[in-house]
Amino acid sequence: MKPAMRLHPDGFPDLQRCVLHACSIVMIALMVSGCSDKHTASVSAVRAVKVEAARAGEGTTVRFIGTVRQQERASLAFESAGTLTELRVDIGDTVEKDQVLASIDRQPAQLRLQEAQASLRLARAQAVERELNYQRQKRLLAAGSVAQSVVESALASSEQAKAEQVRAQAEQALAHRELDRTRLIAPFAGRVVARHAQPRTVLPAGQVVLDIESTAGQEVVAAIPLALAETLKPGDLARASSTADGTSGFDLALEGISPRADDGLVRTAVFRVLRPASRLPSGITLLVQMHPDTGTQPLSVPVQALWMGTGSNSAEVFVYQPGGTVALRSVSLGTVKDGRALIASGLAVGERVVTAGAAFLQDGETVTLFQPGTRLTGGTQ
């Protein structure tokens, strides 16, 4: 049996050098890897967090429907009945102030004026005759030719004639007015928006013939809830936008509110249009929004900033400190709405709370604010 062969390192110097070189490379790699792990651990110790400032709520937004109308508008009608003989304008026409728009048959009014003038002349003649008779009776009384009762009767007759003259003068003035009102006159400059009669139509007194609107300022009228009406005052601002095409909105200012409640539910409010983007057609409906002043609004924070508290109405938040640390603080909660929690106490306006990256934070821990190139775990990209 042959003895087993054994390798002797001194017999293979080249192999020994190769082994030593390989071991050196492995040791260097392990050392570098260990340093890199320590560096990563030191960077990961400072966590990156997102913060948001506690702010007051914006209050409740109230929405209702309003209708656009012109500030000056009129429905024109004849005071007396008659046949419409002339209609000079139609829908869409522009009119000037004091322009004649329509006329009815003038002959009946002219005849009534002549009758009133004749009655006035008769009343004047009677007044003169009875005044002369009264003066004659007074002279006869002074001469002792008539009794006192005769003079008194003459005086009463004279006064009656004077009263009749005044009545006749009033009738003549009314007849003149009726003749003037046989023409429909534009009370202001504007445009015709509606026509309700045709020529040669017999119109009753007071029937509307034309609707006109001025080209001046516009306003929005709306029915608002009683509770909202109690909180508003003239000058309060609102925002209006078209409900049909969603165009950009414009501002309104409250002009006044009716003291009467319609159907016991709403009151009528009138708003003045401020700087509209373009002229609005009257009658269009708008969506009106208001933020009524209901006093100081409580602070609110995102719900993701809250951590379990000691009670049902309490929670904890991490508050970012100016020195780059966070402090754990207890807060009292109100209601939660639209992803935000109202804070009853425990925070001040402007204090910043951690909203992301707080999963493993501790009270007093040093943090860095999140940047677009920063991982929330604390590493950098």
Foldseek 3Di string as FASTA:
>chain_A
DDDDDDDDCVVPVVVVVVVVVVVVVVVVVVVVVVVVVVVVVVLLQFFAFAKDFWAFDLFDKDKFKKFKDFPDKDFWFFQAWFAWAFAQDAAFDWDAAFDWGTFGDLVVLVVQLVVLVVQLVVLVVQLVVLVVVLVVVVVCVVVVNDDPVVNVVSVVSNVVSVVSNVVSVVSNVVSVVNSVRRTTGHNHTFGWHDADDDHRDTDHRPDGGTMTHHPDWMKIKTWDFPVLVVQDDFQAKKWKAAPPPGDHIFMWTWDDWDPDADVVTTTMTMITTDDDPDDDDGGGMIMIMHRGPPDTGFIKDFPLQWADDPDPQKTWWWWQDPVQWTAIWMFGWDDDDPRMIGTPDTDDGGTMTTRPLCPPDDGGRGYHYDDPQADSSRDGD
